[in-house]
Amino acid sequence: MFKVEGLDKLQRDLAEAQRAFAAIDGELGIVSFDAECPDSIESAIVSMEQMIEERLGPYTNNSIVGPMIGEMKERYRTAIIDKAAEARLAGASDDGE
């Protein structure tokens, strides 16, 4: 007979990941910004990162959740920057440019 090592840790990580996913189920939060103001955009990004940290920070060392935290921050950062660019373009076309 042989002993499977690491199964306990995997089970703990999976249970913890399940709690982490439940913490981010639904709306994570709302950020608003002025698309014309880089400081406002950066502030929205910082706020979004704080929301993620508040919900997922306790799971940073989890082998499943930990890597996702950085990916989520980057994904939301890109989305905020893209929304700001879209708003600026829409504003420019409304101005007849």
N, C-alpha and C. Protein backbone atom coordinates (compact mmCIF):
# COMPACT_ATOMS: atom_id res chain seq x y z
N MET A 1 0.85 -1.17 0.00
CA MET A 1 0.00 0.00 0.00
C MET A 1 0.90 1.24 0.00
N PHE A 2 0.41 2.34 -0.59
CA PHE A 2 1.19 3.57 -0.62
C PHE A 2 0.36 4.72 -0.06
N LYS A 3 1.06 5.74 0.36
CA LYS A 3 0.41 6.89 0.98
C LYS A 3 0.42 8.05 -0.01
N VAL A 4 -0.72 8.66 -0.23
CA VAL A 4 -0.83 9.82 -1.10
C VAL A 4 -0.64 11.05 -0.23
N GLU A 5 0.44 11.75 -0.47
CA GLU A 5 0.71 12.95 0.32
C GLU A 5 0.22 14.18 -0.42
N GLY A 6 -0.15 15.17 0.34
CA GLY A 6 -0.60 16.42 -0.26
C GLY A 6 -2.09 16.49 -0.48
N LEU A 7 -2.78 15.37 -0.30
CA LEU A 7 -4.22 15.35 -0.52
C LEU A 7 -4.94 16.24 0.50
N ASP A 8 -4.48 16.22 1.74
CA ASP A 8 -5.09 17.08 2.76
C ASP A 8 -4.97 18.55 2.39
N LYS A 9 -3.78 18.94 1.92
CA LYS A 9 -3.56 20.34 1.54
C LYS A 9 -4.44 20.71 0.35
N LEU A 10 -4.53 19.82 -0.60
CA LEU A 10 -5.39 20.07 -1.76
C LEU A 10 -6.84 20.24 -1.34
N GLN A 11 -7.30 19.40 -0.45
CA GLN A 11 -8.67 19.51 0.03
C GLN A 11 -8.89 20.83 0.77
N ARG A 12 -7.92 21.24 1.58
CA ARG A 12 -8.02 22.54 2.28
C ARG A 12 -8.04 23.68 1.28
N ASP A 13 -7.15 23.62 0.29
CA ASP A 13 -7.11 24.67 -0.74
C ASP A 13 -8.42 24.74 -1.51
N LEU A 14 -8.98 23.59 -1.84
CA LEU A 14 -10.25 23.58 -2.56
C LEU A 14 -11.38 24.16 -1.72
N ALA A 15 -11.44 23.81 -0.44
CA ALA A 15 -12.47 24.35 0.44
C ALA A 15 -12.31 25.86 0.60
N GLU A 16 -11.06 26.29 0.74
CA GLU A 16 -10.78 27.73 0.86
C GLU A 16 -11.14 28.46 -0.43
N ALA A 17 -10.81 27.86 -1.57
CA ALA A 17 -11.13 28.46 -2.86
C ALA A 17 -12.63 28.60 -3.02
N GLN A 18 -13.36 27.62 -2.56
CA GLN A 18 -14.82 27.68 -2.63
C GLN A 18 -15.34 28.88 -1.83
N ARG A 19 -14.77 29.11 -0.64
CA ARG A 19 -15.16 30.27 0.17
C ARG A 19 -14.78 31.57 -0.53
N ALA A 20 -13.61 31.59 -1.16
CA ALA A 20 -13.15 32.78 -1.87
C ALA A 20 -14.09 33.10 -3.04
N PHE A 21 -14.46 32.08 -3.79
CA PHE A 21 -15.36 32.29 -4.93
C PHE A 21 -16.72 32.77 -4.47
N ALA A 22 -17.17 32.28 -3.34
CA ALA A 22 -18.45 32.75 -2.78
C ALA A 22 -18.34 34.22 -2.39
N ALA A 23 -17.16 34.64 -1.95
CA ALA A 23 -16.95 36.04 -1.54
C ALA A 23 -17.02 37.01 -2.72
N ILE A 24 -16.73 36.51 -3.92
CA ILE A 24 -16.77 37.39 -5.09
C ILE A 24 -17.95 37.10 -6.00
N ASP A 25 -18.86 36.26 -5.54
CA ASP A 25 -20.05 35.95 -6.33
C ASP A 25 -20.94 37.19 -6.36
N GLY A 26 -21.42 37.54 -7.51
CA GLY A 26 -22.27 38.73 -7.64
C GLY A 26 -21.42 39.96 -7.92
N GLU A 27 -21.92 41.09 -7.50
CA GLU A 27 -21.25 42.36 -7.77
C GLU A 27 -20.08 42.57 -6.82
N LEU A 28 -18.93 42.85 -7.37
CA LEU A 28 -17.73 43.09 -6.58
C LEU A 28 -17.75 44.50 -6.00
N GLY A 29 -18.26 45.42 -6.77
CA GLY A 29 -18.33 46.81 -6.34
C GLY A 29 -18.52 47.70 -7.55
N ILE A 30 -18.63 48.98 -7.29
CA ILE A 30 -18.83 49.96 -8.36
C ILE A 30 -17.75 51.03 -8.24
N VAL A 31 -17.16 51.35 -9.36
CA VAL A 31 -16.22 52.46 -9.41
C VAL A 31 -16.70 53.43 -10.48
N SER A 32 -16.43 54.69 -10.24
CA SER A 32 -16.76 55.69 -11.26
C SER A 32 -15.53 56.56 -11.45
N PHE A 33 -15.45 57.18 -12.62
CA PHE A 33 -14.28 57.99 -12.93
C PHE A 33 -14.62 58.96 -14.05
N ASP A 34 -13.81 59.99 -14.14
CA ASP A 34 -13.89 60.96 -15.23
C ASP A 34 -12.93 60.48 -16.31
N ALA A 35 -13.45 60.10 -17.45
CA ALA A 35 -12.63 59.54 -18.52
C ALA A 35 -11.58 60.52 -19.04
N GLU A 36 -11.80 61.79 -18.79
CA GLU A 36 -10.87 62.81 -19.25
C GLU A 36 -9.75 63.09 -18.24
N CYS A 37 -9.85 62.52 -17.05
CA CYS A 37 -8.91 62.82 -15.97
C CYS A 37 -8.11 61.57 -15.59
N PRO A 38 -6.83 61.56 -15.95
CA PRO A 38 -5.99 60.39 -15.62
C PRO A 38 -5.96 60.07 -14.12
N ASP A 39 -5.97 61.10 -13.28
CA ASP A 39 -5.96 60.86 -11.83
C ASP A 39 -7.25 60.16 -11.39
N SER A 40 -8.37 60.51 -12.00
CA SER A 40 -9.64 59.88 -11.68
C SER A 40 -9.65 58.41 -12.12
N ILE A 41 -9.09 58.15 -13.27
CA ILE A 41 -8.99 56.78 -13.77
C ILE A 41 -8.11 55.95 -12.85
N GLU A 42 -6.97 56.51 -12.46
CA GLU A 42 -6.06 55.80 -11.57
C GLU A 42 -6.70 55.55 -10.21
N SER A 43 -7.46 56.51 -9.73
CA SER A 43 -8.18 56.36 -8.46
C SER A 43 -9.20 55.22 -8.55
N ALA A 44 -9.88 55.11 -9.68
CA ALA A 44 -10.84 54.03 -9.88
C ALA A 44 -10.13 52.67 -9.87
N ILE A 45 -8.97 52.62 -10.49
CA ILE A 45 -8.19 51.38 -10.52
C ILE A 45 -7.76 50.98 -9.10
N VAL A 46 -7.27 51.96 -8.33
CA VAL A 46 -6.86 51.70 -6.95
C VAL A 46 -8.06 51.22 -6.12
N SER A 47 -9.21 51.85 -6.31
CA SER A 47 -10.42 51.44 -5.58
C SER A 47 -10.80 50.01 -5.92
N MET A 48 -10.73 49.68 -7.19
CA MET A 48 -11.06 48.33 -7.63
C MET A 48 -10.10 47.32 -7.03
N GLU A 49 -8.81 47.64 -7.00
CA GLU A 49 -7.83 46.74 -6.43
C GLU A 49 -8.07 46.54 -4.93
N GLN A 50 -8.49 47.60 -4.26
CA GLN A 50 -8.80 47.49 -2.83
C GLN A 50 -10.01 46.59 -2.61
N MET A 51 -11.01 46.68 -3.46
CA MET A 51 -12.18 45.81 -3.35
C MET A 51 -11.78 44.35 -3.48
N ILE A 52 -10.91 44.07 -4.43
CA ILE A 52 -10.44 42.70 -4.64
C ILE A 52 -9.66 42.24 -3.42
N GLU A 53 -8.79 43.09 -2.91
CA GLU A 53 -7.99 42.73 -1.73
C GLU A 53 -8.87 42.49 -0.51
N GLU A 54 -9.91 43.31 -0.35
CA GLU A 54 -10.81 43.13 0.80
C GLU A 54 -11.48 41.77 0.77
N ARG A 55 -11.87 41.35 -0.42
CA ARG A 55 -12.59 40.08 -0.55
C ARG A 55 -11.66 38.88 -0.62
N LEU A 56 -10.54 39.03 -1.34
CA LEU A 56 -9.70 37.87 -1.60
C LEU A 56 -8.36 37.88 -0.88
N GLY A 57 -8.01 38.99 -0.25
CA GLY A 57 -6.74 39.10 0.45
C GLY A 57 -6.45 37.97 1.41
N PRO A 58 -7.45 37.51 2.18
CA PRO A 58 -7.18 36.41 3.11
C PRO A 58 -6.78 35.10 2.42
N TYR A 59 -6.98 35.02 1.12
CA TYR A 59 -6.70 33.79 0.38
C TYR A 59 -5.45 33.90 -0.49
N THR A 60 -4.63 34.92 -0.27
CA THR A 60 -3.44 35.17 -1.08
C THR A 60 -2.53 33.95 -1.15
N ASN A 61 -2.38 33.24 -0.05
CA ASN A 61 -1.47 32.10 -0.01
C ASN A 61 -2.09 30.80 -0.52
N ASN A 62 -3.35 30.86 -0.91
CA ASN A 62 -4.02 29.68 -1.45
C ASN A 62 -3.49 29.43 -2.86
N SER A 63 -3.09 28.19 -3.13
CA SER A 63 -2.48 27.88 -4.43
C SER A 63 -3.44 28.02 -5.60
N ILE A 64 -4.72 28.02 -5.34
CA ILE A 64 -5.72 28.18 -6.40
C ILE A 64 -6.11 29.64 -6.55
N VAL A 65 -6.39 30.30 -5.45
CA VAL A 65 -6.90 31.66 -5.47
C VAL A 65 -5.80 32.69 -5.65
N GLY A 66 -4.66 32.48 -5.00
CA GLY A 66 -3.56 33.45 -5.04
C GLY A 66 -3.23 33.97 -6.43
N PRO A 67 -2.97 33.08 -7.38
CA PRO A 67 -2.63 33.54 -8.73
C PRO A 67 -3.77 34.30 -9.43
N MET A 68 -5.00 33.99 -9.04
CA MET A 68 -6.15 34.66 -9.66
C MET A 68 -6.26 36.12 -9.25
N ILE A 69 -5.76 36.46 -8.07
CA ILE A 69 -5.90 37.82 -7.57
C ILE A 69 -5.22 38.81 -8.52
N GLY A 70 -3.99 38.53 -8.88
CA GLY A 70 -3.27 39.40 -9.81
C GLY A 70 -3.92 39.46 -11.18
N GLU A 71 -4.41 38.31 -11.63
CA GLU A 71 -5.09 38.25 -12.93
C GLU A 71 -6.37 39.08 -12.91
N MET A 72 -7.12 39.00 -11.81
CA MET A 72 -8.36 39.78 -11.71
C MET A 72 -8.05 41.27 -11.71
N LYS A 73 -7.04 41.67 -10.96
CA LYS A 73 -6.67 43.09 -10.91
C LYS A 73 -6.30 43.59 -12.30
N GLU A 74 -5.51 42.80 -13.01
CA GLU A 74 -5.09 43.21 -14.35
C GLU A 74 -6.27 43.28 -15.30
N ARG A 75 -7.17 42.31 -15.21
CA ARG A 75 -8.34 42.28 -16.09
C ARG A 75 -9.24 43.49 -15.86
N TYR A 76 -9.50 43.80 -14.57
CA TYR A 76 -10.34 44.95 -14.25
C TYR A 76 -9.64 46.26 -14.59
N ARG A 77 -8.33 46.32 -14.39
CA ARG A 77 -7.55 47.52 -14.75
C ARG A 77 -7.70 47.79 -16.25
N THR A 78 -7.52 46.74 -17.04
CA THR A 78 -7.66 46.88 -18.49
C THR A 78 -9.08 47.31 -18.85
N ALA A 79 -10.08 46.76 -18.18
CA ALA A 79 -11.47 47.12 -18.47
C ALA A 79 -11.74 48.59 -18.17
N ILE A 80 -11.20 49.09 -17.06
CA ILE A 80 -11.39 50.51 -16.71
C ILE A 80 -10.72 51.40 -17.74
N ILE A 81 -9.50 51.07 -18.12
CA ILE A 81 -8.78 51.86 -19.12
C ILE A 81 -9.51 51.83 -20.46
N ASP A 82 -10.02 50.66 -20.84
CA ASP A 82 -10.77 50.54 -22.10
C ASP A 82 -12.06 51.36 -22.06
N LYS A 83 -12.77 51.32 -20.93
CA LYS A 83 -14.01 52.10 -20.79
C LYS A 83 -13.71 53.59 -20.89
N ALA A 84 -12.62 54.02 -20.27
CA ALA A 84 -12.24 55.43 -20.32
C ALA A 84 -11.93 55.84 -21.77
N ALA A 85 -11.21 54.99 -22.49
CA ALA A 85 -10.88 55.28 -23.88
C ALA A 85 -12.14 55.34 -24.74
N GLU A 86 -13.06 54.40 -24.51
CA GLU A 86 -14.34 54.41 -25.24
C GLU A 86 -15.11 55.69 -24.97
N ALA A 87 -15.14 56.11 -23.71
CA ALA A 87 -15.88 57.33 -23.34
C ALA A 87 -15.24 58.56 -23.99
N ARG A 88 -13.91 58.60 -24.03
CA ARG A 88 -13.23 59.74 -24.67
C ARG A 88 -13.52 59.75 -26.16
N LEU A 89 -13.51 58.58 -26.81
CA LEU A 89 -13.80 58.50 -28.23
C LEU A 89 -15.23 58.88 -28.52
N ALA A 90 -16.15 58.44 -27.68
CA ALA A 90 -17.56 58.79 -27.86
C ALA A 90 -17.74 60.30 -27.69
N GLY A 91 -17.04 60.88 -26.73
CA GLY A 91 -17.12 62.32 -26.49
C GLY A 91 -16.54 63.09 -27.66
N ALA A 92 -15.46 62.57 -28.24
CA ALA A 92 -14.84 63.23 -29.39
C ALA A 92 -15.78 63.18 -30.60
N SER A 93 -16.47 62.06 -30.81
CA SER A 93 -17.37 61.97 -31.95
C SER A 93 -18.61 62.81 -31.73
N ASP A 94 -19.03 62.99 -30.49
CA ASP A 94 -20.17 63.86 -30.18
C ASP A 94 -19.84 65.32 -30.43
N ASP A 95 -18.54 65.64 -30.31
CA ASP A 95 -18.09 67.02 -30.54
C ASP A 95 -17.87 67.29 -32.02
N GLY A 96 -18.05 66.28 -32.86
CA GLY A 96 -17.90 66.45 -34.29
C GLY A 96 -16.49 66.24 -34.75
N GLU A 97 -15.65 65.67 -33.92
CA GLU A 97 -14.26 65.44 -34.32
C GLU A 97 -14.13 64.15 -35.08
